[in-house]
C-alpha atoms as a PDB file:
ATOM      1  CA  MET A   1      20.493  19.631  31.473  1.00  0.00           C
ATOM      2  CA  ASN A   2      24.148  18.763  30.932  1.00  0.00           C
ATOM      3  CA  LYS A   3      25.437  16.958  27.847  1.00  0.00           C
ATOM      4  CA  GLU A   4      25.807  13.631  29.612  1.00  0.00           C
ATOM      5  CA  LYS A   5      22.203  13.601  30.818  1.00  0.00           C
ATOM      6  CA  ALA A   6      20.930  14.652  27.404  1.00  0.00           C
ATOM      7  CA  MET A   7      22.832  11.770  25.771  1.00  0.00           C
ATOM      8  CA  GLU A   8      21.568   9.344  28.396  1.00  0.00           C
ATOM      9  CA  ILE A   9      17.959  10.326  27.669  1.00  0.00           C
ATOM     10  CA  LEU A  10      18.542  10.282  23.923  1.00  0.00           C
ATOM     11  CA  ASN A  11      20.007   6.777  24.004  1.00  0.00           C
ATOM     12  CA  SER A  12      17.173   5.573  26.229  1.00  0.00           C
ATOM     13  CA  LYS A  13      14.650   6.811  23.669  1.00  0.00           C
ATOM     14  CA  LEU A  14      16.602   5.207  20.834  1.00  0.00           C
ATOM     15  CA  ASP A  15      16.521   1.918  22.762  1.00  0.00           C
ATOM     16  CA  ASP A  16      12.740   2.270  23.179  1.00  0.00           C
ATOM     17  CA  VAL A  17      12.353   2.707  19.411  1.00  0.00           C
ATOM     18  CA  ALA A  18      14.582  -0.293  18.674  1.00  0.00           C
ATOM     19  CA  ASP A  19      12.737  -2.515  21.183  1.00  0.00           C
ATOM     20  CA  ALA A  20       9.317  -1.525  19.822  1.00  0.00           C
ATOM     21  CA  ALA A  21      10.383  -2.007  16.195  1.00  0.00           C
ATOM     22  CA  ALA A  22      11.600  -5.529  16.930  1.00  0.00           C
ATOM     23  CA  LEU A  23       8.106  -6.542  18.099  1.00  0.00           C
ATOM     24  CA  ILE A  24       6.124  -5.410  15.054  1.00  0.00           C
ATOM     25  CA  ALA A  25       6.600  -8.369  12.705  1.00  0.00           C
ATOM     26  CA  PRO A  26       5.210 -10.884  12.094  1.00  0.00           C
ATOM     27  CA  GLY A  27       2.000  -9.989  13.919  1.00  0.00           C
ATOM     28  CA  PHE A  28       1.624  -6.324  12.931  1.00  0.00           C
ATOM     29  CA  ASP A  29      -0.994  -5.942  15.668  1.00  0.00           C
ATOM     30  CA  GLU A  30      -2.366  -2.517  16.534  1.00  0.00           C
ATOM     31  CA  GLU A  31      -0.712  -2.417  19.964  1.00  0.00           C
ATOM     32  CA  SER A  32       2.824  -3.077  18.715  1.00  0.00           C
ATOM     33  CA  ILE A  33       2.445  -0.584  15.869  1.00  0.00           C
ATOM     34  CA  HIS A  34       1.096   2.027  18.281  1.00  0.00           C
ATOM     35  CA  ALA A  35       3.980   1.420  20.704  1.00  0.00           C
ATOM     36  CA  PHE A  36       6.533   1.893  17.923  1.00  0.00           C
ATOM     37  CA  ARG A  37       4.945   5.085  16.643  1.00  0.00           C
ATOM     38  CA  VAL A  38       4.693   6.596  20.147  1.00  0.00           C
ATOM     39  CA  ALA A  39       8.347   5.730  20.793  1.00  0.00           C
ATOM     40  CA  VAL A  40       9.346   7.484  17.559  1.00  0.00           C
ATOM     41  CA  LYS A  41       7.245  10.541  18.440  1.00  0.00           C
ATOM     42  CA  LYS A  42       8.871  10.805  21.861  1.00  0.00           C
ATOM     43  CA  LEU A  43      12.311  10.504  20.288  1.00  0.00           C
ATOM     44  CA  ARG A  44      11.455  13.121  17.670  1.00  0.00           C
ATOM     45  CA  ALA A  45      10.113  15.512  20.316  1.00  0.00           C
ATOM     46  CA  PHE A  46      13.371  15.276  22.269  1.00  0.00           C
ATOM     47  CA  LEU A  47      15.433  15.730  19.099  1.00  0.00           C
ATOM     48  CA  ARG A  48      13.493  18.910  18.369  1.00  0.00           C
ATOM     49  CA  LEU A  49      14.170  20.181  21.873  1.00  0.00           C
ATOM     50  CA  MET A  50      17.877  19.428  21.471  1.00  0.00           C
ATOM     51  CA  GLU A  51      17.958  21.104  18.062  1.00  0.00           C
ATOM     52  CA  SER A  52      16.361  24.257  19.484  1.00  0.00           C
ATOM     53  CA  VAL A  53      19.565  24.998  21.417  1.00  0.00           C
ATOM     54  CA  LYS A  54      21.622  27.692  19.740  1.00  0.00           C
ATOM     55  CA  GLY A  55      24.568  26.234  17.836  1.00  0.00           C
ATOM     56  CA  GLN A  56      23.289  22.654  17.937  1.00  0.00           C
ATOM     57  CA  SER A  57      23.613  20.776  14.647  1.00  0.00           C
ATOM     58  CA  LYS A  58      20.508  19.227  13.062  1.00  0.00           C
ATOM     59  CA  MET A  59      18.948  16.457  15.144  1.00  0.00           C
ATOM     60  CA  GLU A  60      16.406  14.891  12.800  1.00  0.00           C
ATOM     61  CA  LEU A  61      14.975  11.433  12.309  1.00  0.00           C
ATOM     62  CA  GLY A  62      17.023   9.512   9.768  1.00  0.00           C
ATOM     63  CA  LYS A  63      15.381   8.880   6.389  1.00  0.00           C
ATOM     64  CA  LYS A  64      15.318   5.114   6.916  1.00  0.00           C
ATOM     65  CA  LEU A  65      13.681   5.419  10.339  1.00  0.00           C
ATOM     66  CA  LYS A  66      11.193   7.936   8.943  1.00  0.00           C
ATOM     67  CA  ARG A  67      10.381   5.427   6.202  1.00  0.00           C
ATOM     68  CA  LEU A  68       9.592   2.760   8.803  1.00  0.00           C
ATOM     69  CA  TYR A  69       7.429   5.238  10.691  1.00  0.00           C
ATOM     70  CA  ASP A  70       5.514   6.078   7.499  1.00  0.00           C
ATOM     71  CA  ILE A  71       4.993   2.398   6.666  1.00  0.00           C
ATOM     72  CA  THR A  72       3.466   1.730  10.080  1.00  0.00           C
ATOM     73  CA  GLY A  73       1.297   4.805   9.609  1.00  0.00           C
ATOM     74  CA  GLU A  74      -0.183   3.348   6.432  1.00  0.00           C
ATOM     75  CA  ILE A  75      -0.892   0.046   8.184  1.00  0.00           C
ATOM     76  CA  ARG A  76      -2.386   1.750  11.239  1.00  0.00           C
ATOM     77  CA  ASN A  77      -4.674   4.000   9.198  1.00  0.00           C
ATOM     78  CA  ALA A  78      -6.000   1.082   7.140  1.00  0.00           C
ATOM     79  CA  GLN A  79      -6.517  -1.027  10.285  1.00  0.00           C
ATOM     80  CA  LEU A  80      -8.341   1.849  11.960  1.00  0.00           C
ATOM     81  CA  GLU A  81     -10.646   2.366   9.015  1.00  0.00           C
ATOM     82  CA  SER A  82     -11.334  -1.321   8.554  1.00  0.00           C
ATOM     83  CA  LYS A  83     -12.314  -1.589  12.206  1.00  0.00           C
ATOM     84  CA  LYS A  84     -14.632   1.423  11.870  1.00  0.00           C
ATOM     85  CA  ILE A  85     -16.358  -0.105   8.842  1.00  0.00           C
ATOM     86  CA  THR A  86     -16.865  -3.374  10.710  1.00  0.00           C
ATOM     87  CA  LYS A  87     -18.262  -1.543  13.733  1.00  0.00           C
ATOM     88  CA  GLN A  88     -20.731   0.393  11.593  1.00  0.00           C
ATOM     89  CA  LYS A  89     -21.642  -2.747   9.616  1.00  0.00           C
ATOM     90  CA  ALA A  90     -21.249  -0.920   6.316  1.00  0.00           C
ATOM     91  CA  ALA A  91     -21.539  -3.059   3.180  1.00  0.00           C
ATOM     92  CA  LEU A  92     -18.290  -2.051   1.479  1.00  0.00           C
ATOM     93  CA  PRO A  93     -16.599  -5.243   0.203  1.00  0.00           C
ATOM     94  CA  GLY A  94     -14.554  -3.477  -2.480  1.00  0.00           C
ATOM     95  CA  TYR A  95     -13.311  -0.811  -0.119  1.00  0.00           C
ATOM     96  CA  VAL A  96     -12.469  -3.319   2.615  1.00  0.00           C
ATOM     97  CA  GLN A  97     -10.487  -5.323   0.054  1.00  0.00           C
ATOM     98  CA  LYS A  98      -8.595  -2.151  -0.895  1.00  0.00           C
ATOM     99  CA  LEU A  99      -7.725  -1.537   2.771  1.00  0.00           C
ATOM    100  CA  GLU A 100      -6.553  -5.137   3.131  1.00  0.00           C
ATOM    101  CA  GLU A 101      -4.324  -4.646   0.081  1.00  0.00           C
ATOM    102  CA  ILE A 102      -2.815  -1.508   1.639  1.00  0.00           C
ATOM    103  CA  ILE A 103      -2.081  -3.426   4.829  1.00  0.00           C
ATOM    104  CA  SER A 104      -0.538  -6.357   2.941  1.00  0.00           C
ATOM    105  CA  LEU A 105       1.627  -4.137   0.730  1.00  0.00           C
ATOM    106  CA  ASN A 106       2.962  -2.229   3.698  1.00  0.00           C
ATOM    107  CA  LYS A 107       3.658  -5.400   5.653  1.00  0.00           C
ATOM    108  CA  VAL A 108       5.866  -6.444   2.750  1.00  0.00           C
ATOM    109  CA  ALA A 109       7.443  -2.979   2.724  1.00  0.00           C
ATOM    110  CA  TRP A 110       8.243  -3.296   6.436  1.00  0.00           C
ATOM    111  CA  GLN A 111       9.888  -6.663   5.899  1.00  0.00           C
ATOM    112  CA  GLN A 112      11.942  -5.158   3.088  1.00  0.00           C
ATOM    113  CA  HIS A 113      13.025  -2.005   4.925  1.00  0.00           C
ATOM    114  CA  TYR A 114      13.269  -3.031   8.569  1.00  0.00           C
ATOM    115  CA  LYS A 115      16.660  -4.077   9.858  1.00  0.00           C
ATOM    116  CA  ALA A 116      17.803  -3.768  13.451  1.00  0.00           C
ATOM    117  CA  ALA A 117      20.982  -2.213  12.069  1.00  0.00           C
ATOM    118  CA  THR A 118      18.959   0.713  10.687  1.00  0.00           C
ATOM    119  CA  ILE A 119      18.186   2.022  14.162  1.00  0.00           C
ATOM    120  CA  LYS A 120      21.627   1.079  15.502  1.00  0.00           C
ATOM    121  CA  ASN A 121      23.312   3.022  12.712  1.00  0.00           C
ATOM    122  CA  PHE A 122      21.070   6.014  13.315  1.00  0.00           C
ATOM    123  CA  ALA A 123      21.920   5.895  17.023  1.00  0.00           C
ATOM    124  CA  LYS A 124      25.622   5.706  16.167  1.00  0.00           C
ATOM    125  CA  LYS A 125      25.283   8.748  13.917  1.00  0.00           C
ATOM    126  CA  LEU A 126      23.576  10.787  16.647  1.00  0.00           C
ATOM    127  CA  ASN A 127      26.130   9.717  19.227  1.00  0.00           C
ATOM    128  CA  GLY A 128      28.849  10.969  16.915  1.00  0.00           C
ATOM    129  CA  LYS A 129      27.493  14.508  16.995  1.00  0.00           C
ATOM    130  CA  GLU A 130      28.698  17.183  19.355  1.00  0.00           C
ATOM    131  CA  ILE A 131      25.829  17.612  21.783  1.00  0.00           C
ATOM    132  CA  HIS A 132      25.187  20.927  23.530  1.00  0.00           C
ATOM    133  CA  LYS A 133      23.753  21.201  27.003  1.00  0.00           C
ATOM    134  CA  ILE A 134      20.116  22.260  27.167  1.00  0.00           C
ATOM    135  CA  GLY A 135      19.655  25.250  29.419  1.00  0.00           C
ATOM    136  CA  SER A 136      16.457  25.852  31.369  1.00  0.00           C
ATOM    137  CA  ARG A 137      15.975  29.083  29.461  1.00  0.00           C
ATOM    138  CA  ALA A 138      16.183  27.231  26.140  1.00  0.00           C
ATOM    139  CA  PHE A 139      13.529  24.817  27.391  1.00  0.00           C
ATOM    140  CA  VAL A 140      11.221  27.679  28.381  1.00  0.00           C
ATOM    141  CA  CYS A 141      11.739  29.355  24.989  1.00  0.00           C
ATOM    142  CA  PHE A 142      10.989  26.053  23.252  1.00  0.00           C
ATOM    143  CA  LEU A 143       7.629  25.832  25.038  1.00  0.00           C
ATOM    144  CA  LYS A 144       6.804  29.492  24.399  1.00  0.00           C
ATOM    145  CA  GLU A 145       7.337  29.007  20.680  1.00  0.00           C
ATOM    146  CA  HIS A 146       4.912  26.104  20.656  1.00  0.00           C
ATOM    147  CA  ILE A 147       2.367  28.009  22.730  1.00  0.00           C
ATOM    148  CA  LYS A 148       2.605  30.825  20.153  1.00  0.00           C
ATOM    149  CA  VAL A 149       1.821  28.295  17.416  1.00  0.00           C
ATOM    150  CA  LEU A 150      -1.281  27.223  19.340  1.00  0.00           C
ATOM    151  CA  GLU A 151      -2.303  30.842  19.981  1.00  0.00           C
ATOM    152  CA  ASP A 152      -2.164  31.579  16.246  1.00  0.00           C
ATOM    153  CA  ILE A 153      -4.329  28.558  15.526  1.00  0.00           C
ATOM    154  CA  ALA A 154      -6.833  29.386  18.268  1.00  0.00           C
ATOM    155  CA  ASP A 155      -7.188  32.955  16.973  1.00  0.00           C
ATOM    156  CA  SER A 156      -7.939  31.890  13.386  1.00  0.00           C
ATOM    157  CA  SER A 157     -10.185  29.591  11.415  1.00  0.00           C
ATOM    158  CA  PRO A 158      -7.581  26.867  10.937  1.00  0.00           C
ATOM    159  CA  ASP A 159      -7.536  24.364   8.121  1.00  0.00           C
ATOM    160  CA  ASP A 160      -6.539  20.746   8.614  1.00  0.00           C
ATOM    161  CA  GLU A 161      -2.876  21.415   7.913  1.00  0.00           C
ATOM    162  CA  GLN A 162      -2.727  24.094  10.621  1.00  0.00           C
ATOM    163  CA  ILE A 163      -4.473  21.788  13.086  1.00  0.00           C
ATOM    164  CA  HIS A 164      -1.981  19.055  12.250  1.00  0.00           C
ATOM    165  CA  THR A 165       0.850  21.514  12.957  1.00  0.00           C
ATOM    166  CA  GLY A 166      -0.811  22.295  16.285  1.00  0.00           C
ATOM    167  CA  ARG A 167      -0.949  18.587  17.060  1.00  0.00           C
ATOM    168  CA  LYS A 168       2.814  18.334  16.576  1.00  0.00           C
ATOM    169  CA  SER A 169       3.334  21.278  18.937  1.00  0.00           C
ATOM    170  CA  VAL A 170       1.125  19.730  21.602  1.00  0.00           C
ATOM    171  CA  LYS A 171       2.977  16.398  21.301  1.00  0.00           C
ATOM    172  CA  ASP A 172       6.357  18.130  21.601  1.00  0.00           C
ATOM    173  CA  MET A 173       5.177  20.026  24.670  1.00  0.00           C
ATOM    174  CA  LEU A 174       3.530  17.003  26.267  1.00  0.00           C
ATOM    175  CA  TYR A 175       6.445  14.606  25.904  1.00  0.00           C
ATOM    176  CA  ASN A 176       9.138  17.103  26.859  1.00  0.00           C
ATOM    177  CA  THR A 177       7.332  18.525  29.894  1.00  0.00           C
ATOM    178  CA  LYS A 178       6.769  14.996  31.211  1.00  0.00           C
ATOM    179  CA  LEU A 179      10.438  14.299  30.629  1.00  0.00           C
ATOM    180  CA  ALA A 180      11.388  17.475  32.510  1.00  0.00           C
ATOM    181  CA  GLU A 181       9.099  16.577  35.404  1.00  0.00           C
ATOM    182  CA  LYS A 182      10.908  13.242  35.779  1.00  0.00           C
ATOM    183  CA  TYR A 183      14.520  14.104  34.979  1.00  0.00           C
ATOM    184  CA  TRP A 184      14.930  17.874  35.044  1.00  0.00           C
ATOM    185  CA  PRO A 185      13.328  19.481  38.140  1.00  0.00           C
ATOM    186  CA  LYS A 186      15.128  22.808  37.718  1.00  0.00           C
ATOM    187  CA  ALA A 187      13.625  23.368  34.265  1.00  0.00           C
ATOM    188  CA  TYR A 188      10.248  21.941  35.250  1.00  0.00           C
ATOM    189  CA  ALA A 189       9.967  24.425  38.119  1.00  0.00           C
ATOM    190  CA  LYS A 190      10.097  27.240  35.556  1.00  0.00           C
ATOM    191  CA  ILE A 191       7.107  25.941  33.585  1.00  0.00           C
ATOM    192  CA  ALA A 192       5.062  24.160  36.282  1.00  0.00           C
ATOM    193  CA  HIS A 193       2.726  27.178  36.459  1.00  0.00           C
ATOM    194  CA  LEU A 194       1.469  26.447  32.946  1.00  0.00           C
ATOM    195  CA  PRO A 195      -1.761  24.432  32.471  1.00  0.00           C
ATOM    196  CA  LEU A 196       0.240  21.299  31.648  1.00  0.00           C
ATOM    197  CA  SER A 197      -2.463  18.941  32.930  1.00  0.00           C
ATOM    198  CA  LYS A 198      -4.596  19.973  29.939  1.00  0.00           C
ATOM    199  CA  LEU A 199      -2.029  18.743  27.404  1.00  0.00           C
ATOM    200  CA  ASP A 200      -3.016  15.066  27.669  1.00  0.00           C
ATOM    201  CA  HIS A 201      -6.659  15.770  26.913  1.00  0.00           C
ATOM    202  CA  LEU A 202      -5.782  18.221  24.158  1.00  0.00           C
ATOM    203  CA  SER A 203      -3.418  15.676  22.623  1.00  0.00           C
ATOM    204  CA  ASP A 204      -6.175  13.031  22.643  1.00  0.00           C
ATOM    205  CA  LEU A 205      -8.641  15.400  20.974  1.00  0.00           C
ATOM    206  CA  LEU A 206      -6.151  16.338  18.282  1.00  0.00           C
ATOM    207  CA  GLY A 207      -5.248  12.684  17.740  1.00  0.00           C
ATOM    208  CA  ASP A 208      -8.884  11.673  17.333  1.00  0.00           C
ATOM    209  CA  TYR A 209      -9.466  14.556  14.920  1.00  0.00           C
ATOM    210  CA  ASN A 210      -6.436  13.548  12.882  1.00  0.00           C
ATOM    211  CA  ASP A 211      -7.762   9.983  12.672  1.00  0.00           C
ATOM    212  CA  GLU A 212     -11.115  11.261  11.431  1.00  0.00           C
ATOM    213  CA  ARG A 213      -9.378  13.468   8.868  1.00  0.00           C
ATOM    214  CA  LEU A 214      -7.354  10.567   7.498  1.00  0.00           C
ATOM    215  CA  VAL A 215     -10.374   8.275   7.361  1.00  0.00           C
ATOM    216  CA  LEU A 216     -12.431  10.874   5.491  1.00  0.00           C
ATOM    217  CA  GLU A 217      -9.623  11.617   3.040  1.00  0.00           C
ATOM    218  CA  SER A 218      -9.276   7.924   2.300  1.00  0.00           C
ATOM    219  CA  GLN A 219     -13.014   7.463   1.773  1.00  0.00           C
ATOM    220  CA  LEU A 220     -13.299  10.460  -0.523  1.00  0.00           C
ATOM    221  CA  SER A 221     -10.282   9.424  -2.593  1.00  0.00           C
ATOM    222  CA  TYR A 222     -11.725   5.946  -3.136  1.00  0.00           C
ATOM    223  CA  LEU A 223     -15.304   7.068  -3.797  1.00  0.00           C
ATOM    224  CA  PRO A 224     -14.797   7.974  -7.509  1.00  0.00           C
ATOM    225  CA  LEU A 225     -13.300   4.527  -8.106  1.00  0.00           C
ATOM    226  CA  VAL A 226     -16.345   2.602  -6.852  1.00  0.00           C
ATOM    227  CA  LYS A 227     -18.255   1.062  -9.752  1.00  0.00           C
ATOM    228  CA  LYS A 228     -21.125  -0.696  -8.012  1.00  0.00           C
ATOM    229  CA  ALA A 229     -23.969   1.719  -7.274  1.00  0.00           C
ATOM    230  CA  GLN A 230     -24.925   0.102  -3.976  1.00  0.00           C
ATOM    231  CA  GLU A 231     -21.411   0.281  -2.583  1.00  0.00           C
ATOM    232  CA  LYS A 232     -20.965   3.821  -3.901  1.00  0.00           C
ATOM    233  CA  LYS A 233     -24.107   4.890  -2.069  1.00  0.00           C
ATOM    234  CA  ALA A 234     -23.000   3.155   1.142  1.00  0.00           C
ATOM    235  CA  LEU A 235     -19.558   4.778   1.026  1.00  0.00           C
ATOM    236  CA  SER A 236     -21.066   8.175   0.235  1.00  0.00           C
ATOM    237  CA  THR A 237     -23.394   7.861   3.235  1.00  0.00           C
ATOM    238  CA  LEU A 238     -20.499   6.819   5.456  1.00  0.00           C
ATOM    239  CA  SER A 239     -18.275   9.679   4.299  1.00  0.00           C
ATOM    240  CA  ASN A 240     -21.068  12.212   4.911  1.00  0.00           C
ATOM    241  CA  LYS A 241     -21.413  10.924   8.484  1.00  0.00           C
ATOM    242  CA  GLU A 242     -17.642  11.080   8.915  1.00  0.00           C
ATOM    243  CA  HIS A 243     -17.569  14.659   7.644  1.00  0.00           C
ATOM    244  CA  LYS A 244     -20.238  15.753  10.136  1.00  0.00           C
ATOM    245  CA  LEU A 245     -18.443  13.952  12.952  1.00  0.00           C
ATOM    246  CA  LYS A 246     -15.127  15.552  11.967  1.00  0.00           C
ATOM    247  CA  GLU A 247     -16.595  19.069  11.905  1.00  0.00           C
ATOM    248  CA  ALA A 248     -18.304  18.596  15.270  1.00  0.00           C
ATOM    249  CA  HIS A 249     -15.063  17.305  16.723  1.00  0.00           C
ATOM    250  CA  LYS A 250     -13.223  20.271  15.283  1.00  0.00           C
ATOM    251  CA  GLN A 251     -15.384  22.712  17.211  1.00  0.00           C
ATOM    252  CA  VAL A 252     -14.780  20.825  20.448  1.00  0.00           C
ATOM    253  CA  LEU A 253     -11.015  20.724  20.053  1.00  0.00           C
ATOM    254  CA  LEU A 254     -10.834  24.414  19.058  1.00  0.00           C
ATOM    255  CA  LYS A 255     -12.705  25.334  22.242  1.00  0.00           C
ATOM    256  CA  GLU A 256     -10.270  23.252  24.287  1.00  0.00           C
ATOM    257  CA  LEU A 257      -7.349  24.786  22.453  1.00  0.00           C
ATOM    258  CA  LYS A 258      -8.669  28.262  23.204  1.00  0.00           C
ATOM    259  CA  ARG A 259      -9.054  27.345  26.875  1.00  0.00           C
ATOM    260  CA  PHE A 260      -5.472  26.118  26.997  1.00  0.00           C
ATOM    261  CA  VAL A 261      -3.858  29.194  25.420  1.00  0.00           C
ATOM    262  CA  THR A 262      -6.046  31.491  27.541  1.00  0.00           C
ATOM    263  CA  ALA A 263      -5.012  29.665  30.708  1.00  0.00           C
ATOM    264  CA  ALA A 264      -1.365  29.740  29.622  1.00  0.00           C
ATOM    265  CA  ALA A 265      -1.564  33.496  29.040  1.00  0.00           C
ATOM    266  CA  LEU A 266      -3.068  34.125  32.483  1.00  0.00           C
ATOM    267  CA  LYS A 267      -0.338  32.228  34.331  1.00  0.00           C
END
């Protein structure tokens, strides 16, 4: 991929982030937050691919953009958990109020930190860098490194942090292989033999597991603060169910991960 094409794709992804960010407030609905976070993930995946080229300067998310991403993450997690509590009809008024407070505080934080100029300035900074072309070989090496990460996870008894690292690798592979399929046929031809069709499903499994992990962590951190016995019991029951669900999900995703790395090795 020549420099011009790389910059064209980069600027397109920056535009996607800017457009999605502009739609978040004042509604802060789940769809707009999800769209923004996916746009940032796709941008970050491409930046990592660019940065993997030998001699390329750092291509990282700016601190201000990362801050906006983190704020939306706090809102999304609280919305997700609140919806789960409603669905399960759990009597947790204190906990629900705490989640509502988290959402409100982070809405204020978004209003304080979000400015269209933040993303424009970040785009200007990236466009001022000397961009290297991305060779097909560099792309293949990028994928191999991520497959190695997944192999190490599949061959161990991974903790949540390792699984989260694996999720990042799957996202980087998924977004960049889809990009190559659309814009970079020469590079895609070199990796088309890999079990790429499995990446979507694997990404969904890892995403669901990550959601369950965050929900459980939140429940367990709040549990010692609950004063009313009835609510404490209800939250304890809910967290026990969440823990069992999380562990069952973990076994499923590890099996799928093992299938993927085995298939990749056989190709």
